[in-house]
Amino acid sequence: MVAYPMKLTYKLSAIATTIAAISSIATEAQAQALIQIDGSSTVFPITEAVAEEFQEDYEERTGEEVRVTVGISGTGGGFRKFCAGETDISDASRPIKESEIEACAENGIEFIEIPVAFDALTVVVHPDNPLNSLTFEQLNQMWAPEAEGAITNWNQVDGIDIDAPLALYGPGADSGTFDYFTETINGDSGESRGDFTASEDDNVLVQGVAGDPNALGYFGFAYYLENEGRIKGLAIDGGDGPVRPSPETVNDETYPLSRPIFIYVRADAADRPEVEAFVNYYLNEGLQYVSEVGYVPLPDERYADARDRFEERETGTEY
């Protein structure tokens, strides 16, 4: 048997203790359940609010800890991670695309589609801007691909008598909000001018419009409500006269830029107890946060259908 000097014996003992501590921490981390969510910044406020309350509720009910992470890489970025099996749930401000369905299928990923709210996509300007409404045609003049480098002043848009540079802010190309707005305003090509300030983080867009008297931007209704006063929301005329975004005009289907928003749940992840509990919490107790953060609840029967789809693990898209 080798006899080690006392100092070396002490150091070896300390190292062994450190290794044991690290091993214990690693085991503890592995024992803590983890739910990974990414995707739309529009859906983020709802999912984040639900996640915070769910974590406490789950520990109280089960005695076990669960950690829920919620990212905002945009609807498209979220689906790339989701279809690669990197996340359990994907927030989406538009339905899943055919190309994304194919990417999921290639990796053996099945999904359960769950609509969670309506959003009144809101077009905003700086409070000093005298405009109160815009038409689809005016928005198209601003955002069409051919407007790039050509429509640079407000007074180049039909019916607008403002002599000032036009500064545009909008979601990046990975955003479902970008997809929805661009297809609605510019047509099915899904193409937009590219010379605008883009961000997947809606708070960045809010800051941009709030700080620039010449700015126009668009994003989810919740971000407008949270910053009302710093920015001004415009009424939108889709052909039947200008209508302001509100829960009422979404429910009566008169606001022309309203749309459903979703979460997509990986079917294999849904069978994990913590994921199943999270989705059930989202579709029951969590629905209170839809209105609280500024979105419009779906009709009760739509939520009942969503609960049934999840309980039966019905995969695929209805949109």
Protein backbone atom coordinates (compact mmCIF):
# COMPACT_ATOMS: atom_id res chain seq x y z
CA MET A 1 0.00 0.00 0.00
CA VAL A 2 1.35 3.41 -0.99
CA ALA A 3 1.63 5.94 1.84
CA TYR A 4 0.83 9.48 0.57
CA PRO A 5 2.13 12.60 2.33
CA MET A 6 -0.43 14.26 4.56
CA LYS A 7 -0.79 17.33 2.29
CA LEU A 8 -1.37 15.16 -0.78
CA THR A 9 -3.87 13.02 1.14
CA TYR A 10 -5.74 16.18 2.11
CA LYS A 11 -5.78 17.43 -1.49
CA LEU A 12 -7.02 14.06 -2.78
CA SER A 13 -9.74 14.09 -0.15
CA ALA A 14 -10.78 17.62 -1.16
CA ILE A 15 -10.86 16.65 -4.83
CA ALA A 16 -12.99 13.61 -4.02
CA THR A 17 -15.39 15.81 -2.04
CA THR A 18 -15.63 18.29 -4.94
CA ILE A 19 -16.28 15.50 -7.43
CA ALA A 20 -18.98 14.09 -5.17
CA ALA A 21 -20.59 17.53 -4.87
CA ILE A 22 -20.55 18.04 -8.65
CA SER A 23 -22.01 14.58 -9.15
CA SER A 24 -24.75 15.37 -6.64
CA ILE A 25 -25.58 18.66 -8.41
CA ALA A 26 -25.68 16.89 -11.79
CA THR A 27 -27.96 14.18 -10.41
CA GLU A 28 -30.23 16.83 -8.91
CA ALA A 29 -30.36 18.73 -12.23
CA GLN A 30 -31.22 15.52 -14.06
CA ALA A 31 -33.98 14.82 -11.56
CA GLN A 32 -35.56 18.23 -12.16
CA ALA A 33 -38.03 18.01 -15.03
CA LEU A 34 -37.44 20.41 -17.91
CA ILE A 35 -39.94 21.67 -20.50
CA GLN A 36 -38.36 23.53 -23.40
CA ILE A 37 -40.45 26.00 -25.41
CA ASP A 38 -39.43 28.39 -28.18
CA GLY A 39 -40.99 30.29 -31.04
CA SER A 40 -43.25 33.29 -31.49
CA SER A 41 -42.64 36.50 -29.58
CA THR A 42 -46.36 37.23 -30.08
CA VAL A 43 -47.42 34.13 -28.14
CA PHE A 44 -44.57 34.56 -25.63
CA PRO A 45 -46.47 36.78 -23.12
CA ILE A 46 -49.19 34.14 -22.66
CA THR A 47 -46.83 31.16 -22.47
CA GLU A 48 -44.42 32.95 -20.14
CA ALA A 49 -47.24 33.91 -17.74
CA VAL A 50 -48.61 30.35 -17.79
CA ALA A 51 -45.11 28.88 -17.27
CA GLU A 52 -44.39 31.02 -14.20
CA GLU A 53 -47.60 30.03 -12.44
CA PHE A 54 -47.44 26.40 -13.56
CA GLN A 55 -44.01 25.83 -12.04
CA GLU A 56 -45.27 26.80 -8.59
CA ASP A 57 -48.53 24.88 -9.00
CA TYR A 58 -46.78 21.71 -10.17
CA GLU A 59 -44.38 21.66 -7.22
CA GLU A 60 -47.22 22.26 -4.75
CA ARG A 61 -49.29 19.43 -6.21
CA THR A 62 -46.56 16.86 -6.86
CA GLY A 63 -43.71 17.82 -4.56
CA GLU A 64 -41.45 17.78 -7.63
CA GLU A 65 -39.72 20.71 -9.31
CA VAL A 66 -40.16 21.52 -12.97
CA ARG A 67 -38.38 24.19 -14.98
CA VAL A 68 -40.04 25.71 -18.04
CA THR A 69 -37.86 27.72 -20.45
CA VAL A 70 -39.53 29.99 -23.03
CA GLY A 71 -37.52 31.44 -25.93
CA ILE A 72 -38.45 33.95 -28.65
CA SER A 73 -36.61 32.92 -31.82
CA GLY A 74 -39.72 33.63 -33.93
CA THR A 75 -42.33 31.25 -35.28
CA GLY A 76 -40.09 30.00 -38.09
CA GLY A 77 -37.05 29.70 -35.84
CA GLY A 78 -39.14 27.92 -33.25
CA PHE A 79 -40.42 25.39 -35.78
CA ARG A 80 -36.85 24.64 -36.94
CA LYS A 81 -35.91 23.69 -33.38
CA PHE A 82 -39.20 21.86 -32.81
CA CYS A 83 -38.96 19.79 -35.99
CA ALA A 84 -35.39 18.86 -35.07
CA GLY A 85 -36.63 17.51 -31.74
CA GLU A 86 -34.87 20.22 -29.73
CA THR A 87 -37.98 21.60 -28.02
CA ASP A 88 -41.13 20.13 -26.51
CA ILE A 89 -43.55 22.91 -27.46
CA SER A 90 -43.46 25.59 -30.17
CA ASP A 91 -45.24 28.93 -29.85
CA ALA A 92 -46.60 30.04 -33.24
CA SER A 93 -48.39 33.15 -34.45
CA ARG A 94 -49.46 31.37 -37.65
CA PRO A 95 -50.35 27.79 -38.62
CA ILE A 96 -47.48 25.42 -39.38
CA LYS A 97 -46.36 25.52 -43.04
CA GLU A 98 -46.25 22.52 -45.37
CA SER A 99 -42.46 22.74 -45.52
CA GLU A 100 -42.31 22.62 -41.72
CA ILE A 101 -44.68 19.64 -41.62
CA GLU A 102 -42.32 17.87 -44.02
CA ALA A 103 -39.27 18.77 -41.89
CA CYS A 104 -41.00 17.35 -38.81
CA ALA A 105 -41.97 14.18 -40.69
CA GLU A 106 -38.38 13.64 -41.86
CA ASN A 107 -37.30 13.57 -38.22
CA GLY A 108 -40.22 11.45 -37.03
CA ILE A 109 -41.80 14.36 -35.15
CA GLU A 110 -45.58 14.28 -34.79
CA PHE A 111 -47.36 17.28 -33.31
CA ILE A 112 -50.61 18.29 -31.66
CA GLU A 113 -51.90 21.69 -32.82
CA ILE A 114 -53.62 23.82 -30.17
CA PRO A 115 -55.07 27.30 -30.87
CA VAL A 116 -54.84 29.38 -27.68
CA ALA A 117 -56.12 32.90 -28.51
CA PHE A 118 -56.94 35.49 -31.13
CA ASP A 119 -54.57 38.37 -31.82
CA ALA A 120 -55.49 41.72 -33.35
CA LEU A 121 -52.24 42.45 -35.19
CA THR A 122 -51.75 46.16 -34.61
CA VAL A 123 -50.21 48.80 -36.88
CA VAL A 124 -48.68 51.59 -34.81
CA VAL A 125 -47.10 55.02 -35.25
CA HIS A 126 -45.51 57.58 -32.97
CA PRO A 127 -48.10 59.53 -30.88
CA ASP A 128 -47.16 62.76 -32.70
CA ASN A 129 -48.21 61.33 -36.06
CA PRO A 130 -51.55 62.93 -37.10
CA LEU A 131 -52.81 59.78 -38.87
CA ASN A 132 -55.59 57.75 -37.27
CA SER A 133 -56.17 55.09 -39.93
CA LEU A 134 -54.65 53.39 -42.96
CA THR A 135 -56.06 51.24 -45.75
CA PHE A 136 -54.71 47.92 -47.00
CA GLU A 137 -53.77 49.74 -50.22
CA GLN A 138 -51.71 52.35 -48.35
CA LEU A 139 -49.96 49.65 -46.33
CA ASN A 140 -49.21 47.78 -49.54
CA GLN A 141 -47.65 50.91 -51.03
CA MET A 142 -45.35 51.11 -47.99
CA TRP A 143 -44.44 47.43 -47.68
CA ALA A 144 -44.55 45.96 -51.20
CA PRO A 145 -41.20 44.63 -52.52
CA GLU A 146 -41.11 47.34 -55.20
CA ALA A 147 -41.36 50.03 -52.49
CA GLU A 148 -37.79 49.25 -51.38
CA GLY A 149 -35.64 52.31 -51.99
CA ALA A 150 -38.56 54.01 -53.76
CA ILE A 151 -41.18 54.86 -51.12
CA THR A 152 -39.05 56.71 -48.58
CA ASN A 153 -41.29 59.63 -47.60
CA TRP A 154 -44.76 59.57 -46.06
CA ASN A 155 -46.11 61.90 -48.77
CA GLN A 156 -45.31 59.32 -51.47
CA VAL A 157 -48.19 57.21 -50.16
CA ASP A 158 -51.59 58.02 -51.69
CA GLY A 159 -53.74 60.21 -49.46
CA ILE A 160 -51.03 61.05 -46.91
CA ASP A 161 -49.86 64.67 -46.67
CA ILE A 162 -46.89 64.31 -44.32
CA ASP A 163 -43.52 65.53 -45.57
CA ALA A 164 -41.18 63.40 -43.48
CA PRO A 165 -38.95 60.35 -43.97
CA LEU A 166 -40.79 57.03 -43.68
CA ALA A 167 -39.11 54.81 -41.07
CA LEU A 168 -40.46 51.25 -41.00
CA TYR A 169 -40.16 48.72 -38.17
CA GLY A 170 -41.34 45.13 -38.37
CA PRO A 171 -40.74 41.55 -37.33
CA GLY A 172 -37.95 39.61 -39.02
CA ALA A 173 -38.54 36.99 -41.70
CA ASP A 174 -38.57 34.19 -39.08
CA SER A 175 -41.66 35.71 -37.50
CA GLY A 176 -45.14 34.33 -38.04
CA THR A 177 -46.40 37.89 -37.65
CA PHE A 178 -44.23 38.90 -40.62
CA ASP A 179 -45.68 36.01 -42.65
CA TYR A 180 -49.27 36.84 -41.79
CA PHE A 181 -48.96 40.60 -42.35
CA THR A 182 -46.99 40.23 -45.57
CA GLU A 183 -49.38 37.71 -47.11
CA THR A 184 -52.44 39.75 -46.08
CA ILE A 185 -51.08 43.08 -47.31
CA ASN A 186 -48.83 42.05 -50.21
CA GLY A 187 -50.48 38.85 -51.43
CA ASP A 188 -49.64 35.17 -51.40
CA SER A 189 -46.08 35.68 -52.65
CA GLY A 190 -45.12 36.49 -49.06
CA GLU A 191 -42.56 39.02 -50.27
CA SER A 192 -41.83 42.34 -48.59
CA ARG A 193 -39.45 45.22 -48.99
CA GLY A 194 -36.27 44.51 -47.05
CA ASP A 195 -35.09 48.00 -46.10
CA PHE A 196 -36.80 48.22 -42.71
CA THR A 197 -35.63 47.77 -39.14
CA ALA A 198 -36.37 44.14 -38.29
CA SER A 199 -36.37 42.26 -34.99
CA GLU A 200 -37.82 39.02 -33.65
CA ASP A 201 -38.22 40.82 -30.29
CA ASP A 202 -41.39 42.93 -30.33
CA ASN A 203 -40.08 45.08 -27.48
CA VAL A 204 -37.31 46.28 -29.80
CA LEU A 205 -39.96 47.33 -32.34
CA VAL A 206 -41.93 49.14 -29.64
CA GLN A 207 -38.82 51.06 -28.60
CA GLY A 208 -38.10 51.96 -32.23
CA VAL A 209 -41.54 53.39 -32.95
CA ALA A 210 -41.81 55.11 -29.56
CA GLY A 211 -38.50 56.88 -30.18
CA ASP A 212 -39.01 57.96 -33.79
CA PRO A 213 -41.71 60.52 -34.80
CA ASN A 214 -41.50 59.28 -38.41
CA ALA A 215 -41.91 55.58 -37.61
CA LEU A 216 -44.53 52.99 -38.47
CA GLY A 217 -44.45 49.40 -37.25
CA TYR A 218 -46.63 46.37 -36.55
CA PHE A 219 -46.78 43.60 -33.95
CA GLY A 220 -49.14 41.73 -31.62
CA PHE A 221 -51.97 43.51 -29.80
CA ALA A 222 -50.56 42.68 -26.35
CA TYR A 223 -47.42 44.73 -27.01
CA TYR A 224 -49.54 47.67 -28.16
CA LEU A 225 -51.72 47.58 -25.03
CA GLU A 226 -48.70 47.32 -22.77
CA ASN A 227 -47.22 50.46 -24.35
CA GLU A 228 -50.35 52.47 -25.14
CA GLY A 229 -49.50 56.16 -24.78
CA ARG A 230 -45.94 55.66 -25.96
CA ILE A 231 -47.24 54.53 -29.36
CA LYS A 232 -50.51 55.05 -31.24
CA GLY A 233 -52.53 52.20 -32.73
CA LEU A 234 -54.23 52.85 -36.05
CA ALA A 235 -57.64 51.81 -37.33
CA ILE A 236 -57.30 49.61 -40.43
CA ASP A 237 -59.56 49.66 -43.48
CA GLY A 238 -59.63 46.30 -45.21
CA GLY A 239 -62.37 47.42 -47.61
CA ASP A 240 -65.33 48.03 -45.28
CA GLY A 241 -64.15 51.20 -43.57
CA PRO A 242 -61.56 51.79 -40.81
CA VAL A 243 -61.84 49.57 -37.72
CA ARG A 244 -59.78 49.89 -34.56
CA PRO A 245 -58.19 46.79 -33.01
CA SER A 246 -59.99 45.63 -29.87
CA PRO A 247 -61.38 42.46 -28.29
CA GLU A 248 -64.84 43.51 -29.50
CA THR A 249 -63.83 44.00 -33.14
CA VAL A 250 -61.97 40.69 -33.11
CA ASN A 251 -64.98 38.84 -31.70
CA ASP A 252 -67.42 40.40 -34.17
CA GLU A 253 -64.93 39.68 -37.00
CA THR A 254 -64.81 43.29 -38.21
CA TYR A 255 -61.11 43.95 -37.53
CA PRO A 256 -59.33 42.88 -40.73
CA LEU A 257 -55.96 41.94 -39.18
CA SER A 258 -57.13 39.43 -36.58
CA ARG A 259 -55.80 35.86 -36.52
CA PRO A 260 -55.55 32.80 -34.25
CA ILE A 261 -52.29 32.04 -32.44
CA PHE A 262 -51.10 28.60 -31.35
CA ILE A 263 -48.93 26.25 -29.39
CA TYR A 264 -47.70 23.02 -31.03
CA VAL A 265 -46.90 20.11 -28.72
CA ARG A 266 -44.53 17.30 -29.70
CA ALA A 267 -46.61 14.12 -29.50
CA ASP A 268 -43.90 12.02 -27.82
CA ALA A 269 -43.22 14.79 -25.28
CA ALA A 270 -46.94 14.99 -24.45
CA ASP A 271 -46.72 11.64 -22.68
CA ARG A 272 -44.19 12.95 -20.16
CA PRO A 273 -46.15 13.78 -16.99
CA GLU A 274 -44.75 17.30 -16.64
CA VAL A 275 -45.55 18.22 -20.28
CA GLU A 276 -49.03 16.72 -20.07
CA ALA A 277 -49.65 18.65 -16.85
CA PHE A 278 -48.36 21.90 -18.41
CA VAL A 279 -50.63 21.70 -21.47
CA ASN A 280 -53.64 20.81 -19.33
CA TYR A 281 -52.83 23.75 -17.06
CA TYR A 282 -52.47 26.03 -20.11
CA LEU A 283 -55.92 25.00 -21.41
CA ASN A 284 -57.64 25.42 -18.05
CA GLU A 285 -56.21 27.65 -15.30
CA GLY A 286 -53.82 29.29 -17.75
CA LEU A 287 -56.53 30.73 -19.98
CA GLN A 288 -57.01 33.63 -17.56
CA TYR A 289 -53.69 35.03 -18.84
CA VAL A 290 -54.95 35.35 -22.42
CA SER A 291 -56.96 38.46 -21.51
CA GLU A 292 -54.55 39.61 -18.81
CA VAL A 293 -51.65 39.99 -21.25
CA GLY A 294 -53.84 41.60 -23.92
CA TYR A 295 -55.13 38.94 -26.31
CA VAL A 296 -58.65 37.79 -27.11
CA PRO A 297 -59.93 34.44 -25.78
CA LEU A 298 -61.32 31.91 -28.22
CA PRO A 299 -64.97 30.81 -27.89
CA ASP A 300 -65.45 28.17 -25.17
CA GLU A 301 -66.21 25.47 -27.72
CA ARG A 302 -62.83 26.05 -29.40
CA TYR A 303 -61.06 25.44 -26.09
CA ALA A 304 -63.19 22.34 -25.51
CA ASP A 305 -62.10 21.04 -28.93
CA ALA A 306 -58.47 21.80 -28.08
CA ARG A 307 -58.72 19.86 -24.80
CA ASP A 308 -60.24 16.92 -26.67
CA ARG A 309 -57.50 17.00 -29.32
CA PHE A 310 -54.84 16.95 -26.66
CA GLU A 311 -56.48 14.26 -24.54
CA GLU A 312 -56.89 12.03 -27.60
CA ARG A 313 -53.38 12.94 -28.85
CA GLU A 314 -54.84 13.92 -32.21
CA THR A 315 -51.94 14.92 -34.42
CA GLY A 316 -51.72 17.08 -37.54
CA THR A 317 -53.09 20.48 -38.50
CA GLU A 318 -56.62 21.74 -39.06
CA TYR A 319 -55.39 24.98 -40.60
